[in-house]
Amino acid sequence: MQITAQGYLVYELTHSPAYLGYVGFAAGLPTFMLTLYGGVLADRVPRRTLLIITQAYMMTLAIILAGLVFSKLVQPWHVIVLAFLLGIGNSFDAPARQSFVVELVGHDDLANAIALNSSMFTSANAIGPAVAGITYAAFGPAWCFTINAISFIAVILALALMRLKPQVTIPASKSTIQALGEAFRFVKQKKDIILLLASIFMVGMFGMSLTSLIPAWAVDVLKGDVKTNGWLLSARGVGALMGALTVAAFSARAVRGKLWSAGSILLPCLMLLFSFMRAVPLSLFAMVLVGWAFLTIMNTSNALVQLRVTDALRGRVMGLYILVVFGALPIGTLLMGWLAEQVNAPFAVWLAAGMLAFYFLFIWIHFPEVRKLE
């Protein structure tokens, strides 16, 4: 709800697709600076404690944004600064959250748990934007931010009530640089992990960044309003949920490489299809398919990386994983926003789809072994 309302609020204040890119860039910039350290911290301190701290911090930011909107003092620069501060929280929250899954279920059920975790997340992505669109239209954006702030209370309580086994941590004698060096040496020896990280970087830059254009797309291309924006994001969330359930359904079979390959073929094709849609129902259908392909790639990549890493290195490697994903996102959103401003939004999507198609064609030709990953 917050992400949806925040994007539309910025567009209402500025009427500029470029500003949507600025917000996305500000939110992702801390990833470059802090996510690797966040991964080290996730291996050094209890992950539950770290998650409680980050959740409380992000709840505070939601309260501040709600207060600014309620008081009618909000300016575009406020949203950009708060997006940057939220990015700092995510830099510590994401590595801890990704590596926390194994503490809940153990190794035998890890791949299925990752898929289930994504199902919960994508369910929220399916429901939240639609609810945000309705709430925004009926009561204004401040209530979207308020509801988000209240929701953190449930998360913090759930984390506090969990009973967990002791975590394997980095020896106190190791410095941050030494701890990171250990993770980089591990990844350097794993060609399949390097290939997966390169691929999610491209998907983060040219696939995930499509979301940043949706507020402008809803108004300028589809001639809709805030509710159209919410429905488009929810359609993507529905497709992502279907992708998560697809990965979960096949988690016991050795077909992750095939699912990854299917998503890589379909994502650029479906993005191109979406770019030509001008009717809302057809656009919603195309966004469902885009969400499925995107989540299939991201979920299988996550599972394939986590199944290839040891517990002692999990937080640091997942910090690198998050750095690649969310490091690519601000670059992509800035580029997409600028292209939409200078040319138009459909051209930005055409270019992104073309770049993804070229990259995945290269992978298919030169690295056919990706299809055999399990």
Protein backbone atom coordinates (compact mmCIF):
# COMPACT_ATOMS: atom_id res chain seq x y z
CA MET A 1 0.00 0.00 0.00
CA GLN A 2 2.76 2.45 0.91
CA ILE A 3 4.76 1.91 -2.29
CA THR A 4 1.66 2.31 -4.45
CA ALA A 5 0.43 5.43 -2.65
CA GLN A 6 3.93 6.94 -2.53
CA GLY A 7 4.43 6.59 -6.28
CA TYR A 8 1.06 8.12 -7.13
CA LEU A 9 1.53 10.92 -4.56
CA VAL A 10 4.83 11.93 -6.17
CA TYR A 11 3.24 11.88 -9.62
CA GLU A 12 0.32 14.00 -8.36
CA LEU A 13 2.74 16.51 -6.83
CA THR A 14 5.07 16.77 -9.85
CA HIS A 15 3.32 15.28 -12.93
CA SER A 16 6.80 14.07 -13.89
CA PRO A 17 7.77 10.47 -14.78
CA ALA A 18 11.37 11.47 -14.06
CA TYR A 19 10.49 12.08 -10.41
CA LEU A 20 9.25 8.51 -10.18
CA GLY A 21 12.76 7.52 -11.23
CA TYR A 22 14.31 9.85 -8.64
CA VAL A 23 12.29 8.21 -5.85
CA GLY A 24 13.28 4.74 -7.00
CA PHE A 25 16.92 5.81 -7.26
CA ALA A 26 16.87 7.32 -3.76
CA ALA A 27 15.32 4.17 -2.32
CA GLY A 28 17.92 1.94 -3.95
CA LEU A 29 21.03 4.10 -3.44
CA PRO A 30 21.72 2.87 0.13
CA THR A 31 21.90 -0.65 -1.29
CA PHE A 32 25.23 0.20 -2.90
CA MET A 33 26.64 1.52 0.34
CA LEU A 34 25.23 -0.71 3.07
CA THR A 35 23.80 -4.05 1.90
CA LEU A 36 27.11 -5.92 2.01
CA TYR A 37 27.65 -4.72 5.57
CA GLY A 38 24.05 -5.68 6.30
CA GLY A 39 24.91 -9.21 5.16
CA VAL A 40 27.93 -9.29 7.50
CA LEU A 41 25.73 -8.09 10.35
CA ALA A 42 23.18 -10.81 9.56
CA ASP A 43 25.93 -13.41 10.10
CA ARG A 44 27.29 -11.64 13.19
CA VAL A 45 24.21 -10.90 15.34
CA PRO A 46 20.91 -12.77 15.90
CA ARG A 47 18.86 -12.23 12.74
CA ARG A 48 15.61 -11.96 14.67
CA THR A 49 17.00 -9.06 16.73
CA LEU A 50 18.19 -7.31 13.59
CA LEU A 51 14.77 -7.76 11.96
CA ILE A 52 12.91 -6.33 14.97
CA ILE A 53 15.16 -3.23 14.89
CA THR A 54 14.72 -2.68 11.15
CA GLN A 55 10.95 -3.18 11.31
CA ALA A 56 10.61 -0.64 14.13
CA TYR A 57 12.76 1.81 12.14
CA MET A 58 10.64 1.43 8.99
CA MET A 59 7.43 1.81 11.02
CA THR A 60 8.75 5.17 12.25
CA LEU A 61 9.37 6.35 8.67
CA ALA A 62 5.81 5.40 7.68
CA ILE A 63 4.45 7.42 10.63
CA ILE A 64 6.52 10.47 9.58
CA LEU A 65 5.27 10.29 5.98
CA ALA A 66 1.66 9.94 7.16
CA GLY A 67 2.12 12.96 9.43
CA LEU A 68 3.51 15.08 6.59
CA VAL A 69 0.57 14.23 4.33
CA PHE A 70 -2.07 14.69 7.06
CA SER A 71 -0.61 18.13 7.85
CA LYS A 72 -0.51 19.03 4.11
CA LEU A 73 3.20 19.89 4.42
CA VAL A 74 4.47 17.11 2.15
CA GLN A 75 6.78 18.09 -0.71
CA PRO A 76 8.42 15.88 -3.37
CA TRP A 77 11.80 16.20 -1.65
CA HIS A 78 10.28 14.85 1.58
CA VAL A 79 9.28 11.66 -0.25
CA ILE A 80 12.73 11.33 -1.83
CA VAL A 81 14.50 11.75 1.55
CA LEU A 82 12.17 9.27 3.27
CA ALA A 83 12.63 6.81 0.39
CA PHE A 84 16.40 7.10 0.91
CA LEU A 85 16.02 6.48 4.66
CA LEU A 86 13.75 3.52 3.95
CA GLY A 87 16.44 2.18 1.63
CA ILE A 88 18.88 2.26 4.55
CA GLY A 89 16.49 0.11 6.58
CA ASN A 90 16.02 -2.32 3.71
CA SER A 91 19.80 -2.64 3.32
CA PHE A 92 19.91 -4.29 6.75
CA ASP A 93 16.48 -5.90 6.72
CA ALA A 94 16.67 -7.76 3.39
CA PRO A 95 19.85 -9.86 3.96
CA ALA A 96 18.65 -10.80 7.45
CA ARG A 97 15.16 -11.71 6.19
CA GLN A 98 16.41 -13.78 3.25
CA SER A 99 18.88 -15.75 5.40
CA PHE A 100 16.37 -16.07 8.28
CA VAL A 101 14.22 -18.58 6.40
CA VAL A 102 16.57 -21.51 7.04
CA GLU A 103 16.39 -20.86 10.80
CA LEU A 104 12.62 -21.40 10.65
CA VAL A 105 12.43 -24.61 8.61
CA GLY A 106 15.90 -26.19 8.26
CA HIS A 107 17.65 -27.29 5.09
CA ASP A 108 15.35 -30.09 3.89
CA ASP A 109 12.42 -27.75 3.31
CA LEU A 110 14.42 -24.64 2.38
CA ALA A 111 13.49 -24.46 -1.33
CA ASN A 112 9.80 -24.93 -0.60
CA ALA A 113 9.96 -22.41 2.26
CA ILE A 114 11.49 -19.81 -0.06
CA ALA A 115 8.62 -20.37 -2.48
CA LEU A 116 6.06 -20.19 0.35
CA ASN A 117 7.67 -17.02 1.68
CA SER A 118 7.41 -15.47 -1.78
CA SER A 119 3.77 -16.58 -1.97
CA MET A 120 3.00 -14.58 1.17
CA PHE A 121 4.94 -11.58 -0.13
CA THR A 122 3.32 -11.68 -3.56
CA SER A 123 -0.13 -12.12 -2.02
CA ALA A 124 0.47 -8.77 -0.38
CA ASN A 125 1.64 -7.39 -3.73
CA ALA A 126 -1.60 -8.59 -5.29
CA ILE A 127 -3.94 -7.22 -2.61
CA GLY A 128 -2.05 -4.15 -1.35
CA PRO A 129 -2.00 -1.99 -4.50
CA ALA A 130 -5.71 -2.52 -5.17
CA VAL A 131 -6.57 -1.65 -1.56
CA ALA A 132 -4.22 1.33 -1.77
CA GLY A 133 -5.92 2.59 -4.93
CA ILE A 134 -9.36 2.41 -3.31
CA THR A 135 -8.13 3.89 0.00
CA TYR A 136 -6.25 6.68 -1.79
CA ALA A 137 -9.29 7.60 -3.88
CA ALA A 138 -11.68 7.49 -0.90
CA PHE A 139 -9.62 8.86 1.99
CA GLY A 140 -6.29 10.13 0.62
CA PRO A 141 -2.69 8.82 0.69
CA ALA A 142 -2.06 9.53 4.38
CA TRP A 143 -4.30 6.63 5.40
CA CYS A 144 -2.30 4.24 3.20
CA PHE A 145 0.85 5.22 5.10
CA THR A 146 -0.95 5.00 8.45
CA ILE A 147 -2.25 1.49 7.78
CA ASN A 148 1.26 0.44 6.75
CA ALA A 149 2.70 1.84 10.01
CA ILE A 150 0.15 -0.08 12.09
CA SER A 151 0.90 -3.34 10.24
CA PHE A 152 4.50 -3.36 11.53
CA ILE A 153 3.21 -4.03 15.05
CA ALA A 154 2.02 -7.52 14.03
CA VAL A 155 5.37 -8.30 12.39
CA ILE A 156 7.37 -7.23 15.43
CA LEU A 157 5.16 -9.25 17.79
CA ALA A 158 5.44 -12.34 15.58
CA LEU A 159 9.24 -12.09 15.53
CA ALA A 160 9.38 -11.63 19.31
CA LEU A 161 7.28 -14.76 19.95
CA MET A 162 9.37 -17.16 17.82
CA ARG A 163 11.46 -19.90 19.47
CA LEU A 164 14.65 -20.47 17.48
CA LYS A 165 17.80 -22.56 17.62
CA PRO A 166 21.14 -20.76 18.17
CA GLN A 167 22.58 -19.13 15.02
CA VAL A 168 26.03 -19.92 13.56
CA THR A 169 27.92 -16.59 13.68
CA ILE A 170 31.16 -15.12 12.33
CA PRO A 171 34.10 -15.46 14.78
CA ALA A 172 34.62 -12.18 16.65
CA SER A 173 38.25 -12.09 15.52
CA LYS A 174 37.28 -11.49 11.87
CA SER A 175 36.97 -7.92 10.63
CA THR A 176 34.19 -6.81 8.26
CA ILE A 177 36.65 -6.77 5.34
CA GLN A 178 37.86 -10.31 6.16
CA ALA A 179 34.28 -11.56 6.50
CA LEU A 180 33.30 -10.04 3.14
CA GLY A 181 36.44 -11.40 1.49
CA GLU A 182 35.48 -14.88 2.61
CA ALA A 183 32.08 -14.54 0.94
CA PHE A 184 33.52 -13.12 -2.29
CA ARG A 185 36.07 -15.96 -2.53
CA PHE A 186 33.27 -18.47 -2.11
CA VAL A 187 31.13 -16.90 -4.84
CA LYS A 188 34.14 -16.55 -7.18
CA GLN A 189 34.54 -20.34 -7.15
CA LYS A 190 30.87 -20.92 -8.07
CA LYS A 191 30.25 -20.24 -11.77
CA ASP A 192 26.56 -21.03 -11.45
CA ILE A 193 26.08 -18.47 -8.65
CA ILE A 194 27.89 -15.80 -10.71
CA LEU A 195 25.60 -16.53 -13.67
CA LEU A 196 22.49 -16.29 -11.48
CA LEU A 197 23.66 -13.01 -9.92
CA ALA A 198 24.37 -11.50 -13.34
CA SER A 199 20.90 -12.53 -14.52
CA ILE A 200 19.02 -11.07 -11.58
CA PHE A 201 21.00 -7.84 -12.04
CA MET A 202 19.60 -7.58 -15.56
CA VAL A 203 16.08 -8.48 -14.41
CA GLY A 204 16.33 -5.95 -11.58
CA MET A 205 17.46 -3.20 -13.96
CA PHE A 206 15.15 -3.81 -16.90
CA GLY A 207 12.31 -5.92 -15.46
CA MET A 208 11.63 -4.76 -11.92
CA SER A 209 12.04 -1.09 -12.88
CA LEU A 210 8.88 -1.33 -15.04
CA THR A 211 6.91 -0.91 -11.79
CA SER A 212 8.25 2.62 -11.32
CA LEU A 213 6.49 3.74 -14.53
CA ILE A 214 3.05 2.41 -13.61
CA PRO A 215 1.66 5.65 -12.07
CA ALA A 216 2.55 7.57 -15.25
CA TRP A 217 1.39 4.66 -17.44
CA ALA A 218 -2.01 4.54 -15.72
CA VAL A 219 -2.63 8.25 -16.37
CA ASP A 220 -0.82 9.06 -19.61
CA VAL A 221 -1.09 5.80 -21.58
CA LEU A 222 -4.30 4.22 -20.27
CA LYS A 223 -6.04 7.54 -19.42
CA GLY A 224 -6.97 6.25 -15.95
CA ASP A 225 -6.46 7.42 -12.37
CA VAL A 226 -5.15 6.23 -9.00
CA LYS A 227 -7.44 3.19 -9.05
CA THR A 228 -6.07 2.17 -12.45
CA ASN A 229 -2.58 2.45 -10.96
CA GLY A 230 -3.60 0.17 -8.08
CA TRP A 231 -5.20 -2.42 -10.37
CA LEU A 232 -2.13 -2.60 -12.60
CA LEU A 233 0.19 -3.19 -9.65
CA SER A 234 -2.23 -5.73 -8.19
CA ALA A 235 -2.37 -7.56 -11.53
CA ARG A 236 1.41 -7.84 -11.44
CA GLY A 237 1.12 -9.11 -7.87
CA VAL A 238 -1.45 -11.75 -8.88
CA GLY A 239 0.90 -12.98 -11.59
CA ALA A 240 3.80 -13.01 -9.14
CA LEU A 241 1.72 -15.06 -6.71
CA MET A 242 0.99 -17.55 -9.50
CA GLY A 243 4.72 -17.68 -10.24
CA ALA A 244 5.56 -18.33 -6.58
CA LEU A 245 2.97 -21.13 -6.41
CA THR A 246 4.33 -22.61 -9.64
CA VAL A 247 7.85 -22.73 -8.18
CA ALA A 248 6.49 -24.20 -4.93
CA ALA A 249 4.54 -26.88 -6.80
CA PHE A 250 7.70 -28.04 -8.59
CA SER A 251 10.12 -27.56 -5.67
CA ALA A 252 10.43 -31.31 -5.05
CA ARG A 253 11.43 -31.93 -8.68
CA ALA A 254 14.76 -31.17 -10.34
CA VAL A 255 13.31 -28.66 -12.81
CA ARG A 256 14.37 -25.30 -11.37
CA GLY A 257 16.69 -24.64 -14.31
CA LYS A 258 13.85 -25.31 -16.74
CA LEU A 259 11.49 -23.00 -14.84
CA TRP A 260 14.17 -20.31 -14.78
CA SER A 261 14.66 -20.68 -18.53
CA ALA A 262 10.93 -20.49 -19.22
CA GLY A 263 10.69 -17.26 -17.25
CA SER A 264 13.71 -15.80 -19.04
CA ILE A 265 12.14 -16.43 -22.46
CA LEU A 266 8.73 -15.12 -21.55
CA LEU A 267 9.57 -11.99 -19.53
CA PRO A 268 10.89 -9.77 -22.38
CA CYS A 269 8.18 -11.04 -24.75
CA LEU A 270 5.42 -10.26 -22.25
CA MET A 271 6.85 -6.83 -21.44
CA LEU A 272 6.77 -6.05 -25.15
CA LEU A 273 3.17 -7.29 -25.33
CA PHE A 274 2.21 -5.06 -22.39
CA SER A 275 3.76 -2.01 -24.08
CA PHE A 276 1.28 -2.27 -26.97
CA MET A 277 -1.84 -2.64 -24.80
CA ARG A 278 -4.06 0.44 -24.58
CA ALA A 279 -7.21 -1.11 -23.10
CA VAL A 280 -7.23 -1.54 -19.32
CA PRO A 281 -8.50 -5.19 -19.27
CA LEU A 282 -5.84 -6.29 -21.77
CA SER A 283 -3.17 -4.36 -19.86
CA LEU A 284 -4.19 -6.08 -16.63
CA PHE A 285 -3.97 -9.50 -18.30
CA ALA A 286 -0.51 -8.67 -19.70
CA MET A 287 0.66 -7.51 -16.26
CA VAL A 288 -0.45 -10.80 -14.71
CA LEU A 289 1.75 -12.66 -17.20
CA VAL A 290 4.68 -10.26 -16.63
CA GLY A 291 4.37 -10.85 -12.87
CA TRP A 292 4.43 -14.62 -13.35
CA ALA A 293 7.57 -14.58 -15.52
CA PHE A 294 9.37 -12.10 -13.26
CA LEU A 295 8.68 -14.01 -10.05
CA THR A 296 9.56 -17.37 -11.61
CA ILE A 297 13.03 -16.05 -12.46
CA MET A 298 13.57 -14.37 -9.08
CA ASN A 299 12.27 -17.27 -6.97
CA THR A 300 14.22 -19.97 -8.75
CA SER A 301 17.36 -17.79 -8.62
CA ASN A 302 16.91 -17.27 -4.88
CA ALA A 303 16.44 -20.99 -4.22
CA LEU A 304 19.35 -22.01 -6.47
CA VAL A 305 21.71 -19.58 -4.73
CA GLN A 306 20.62 -20.52 -1.19
CA LEU A 307 20.93 -24.25 -1.91
CA ARG A 308 24.56 -23.66 -2.93
CA VAL A 309 25.72 -21.70 0.13
CA THR A 310 26.73 -22.79 3.65
CA ASP A 311 24.96 -21.53 6.78
CA ALA A 312 28.07 -19.70 8.00
CA LEU A 313 28.16 -17.62 4.79
CA ARG A 314 24.43 -17.33 4.17
CA GLY A 315 23.90 -13.78 5.41
CA ARG A 316 26.88 -12.38 3.50
CA VAL A 317 26.04 -14.18 0.24
CA MET A 318 22.41 -13.09 0.50
CA GLY A 319 23.67 -9.56 1.19
CA LEU A 320 25.50 -9.78 -2.14
CA TYR A 321 22.32 -11.17 -3.73
CA ILE A 322 20.27 -8.24 -2.41
CA LEU A 323 22.97 -5.79 -3.50
CA VAL A 324 22.74 -7.11 -7.05
CA VAL A 325 18.92 -7.02 -7.15
CA PHE A 326 18.29 -3.70 -5.44
CA GLY A 327 21.50 -2.17 -6.74
CA ALA A 328 20.24 -2.68 -10.28
CA LEU A 329 16.78 -1.29 -9.45
CA PRO A 330 17.73 2.39 -8.85
CA ILE A 331 19.79 2.46 -12.05
CA GLY A 332 16.88 0.97 -13.97
CA THR A 333 14.25 3.28 -12.46
CA LEU A 334 16.39 6.34 -13.14
CA LEU A 335 16.94 5.24 -16.76
CA MET A 336 13.28 4.29 -17.34
CA GLY A 337 12.01 7.54 -15.78
CA TRP A 338 14.41 9.63 -17.88
CA LEU A 339 13.47 7.82 -21.11
CA ALA A 340 9.76 8.18 -20.35
CA GLU A 341 10.28 11.92 -19.76
CA GLN A 342 12.43 12.49 -22.87
CA VAL A 343 10.57 10.19 -25.32
CA ASN A 344 7.59 8.35 -23.82
CA ALA A 345 6.80 5.46 -21.46
CA PRO A 346 6.17 2.83 -24.18
CA PHE A 347 9.60 3.51 -25.69
CA ALA A 348 11.21 2.95 -22.26
CA VAL A 349 9.47 -0.43 -21.97
CA TRP A 350 10.44 -1.41 -25.55
CA LEU A 351 14.09 -0.70 -24.79
CA ALA A 352 13.99 -2.62 -21.50
CA ALA A 353 12.35 -5.63 -23.16
CA GLY A 354 14.93 -5.55 -25.96
CA MET A 355 17.86 -5.48 -23.53
CA LEU A 356 16.46 -8.46 -21.60
CA ALA A 357 15.80 -10.40 -24.80
CA PHE A 358 19.36 -9.80 -26.02
CA TYR A 359 20.87 -10.84 -22.66
CA PHE A 360 18.86 -14.04 -22.24
CA LEU A 361 19.49 -15.05 -25.85
CA PHE A 362 23.22 -14.73 -25.07
CA ILE A 363 22.77 -16.95 -21.98
CA TRP A 364 20.84 -19.57 -23.94
CA ILE A 365 23.55 -19.79 -26.59
CA HIS A 366 26.68 -19.62 -24.44
CA PHE A 367 25.55 -21.14 -21.11
CA PRO A 368 23.11 -23.97 -21.92
CA GLU A 369 24.00 -25.65 -18.59
CA VAL A 370 21.67 -23.19 -16.81
CA ARG A 371 18.73 -25.27 -18.00
CA LYS A 372 20.08 -28.28 -16.05
CA LEU A 373 20.41 -26.57 -12.67
CA GLU A 374 18.58 -28.30 -9.83
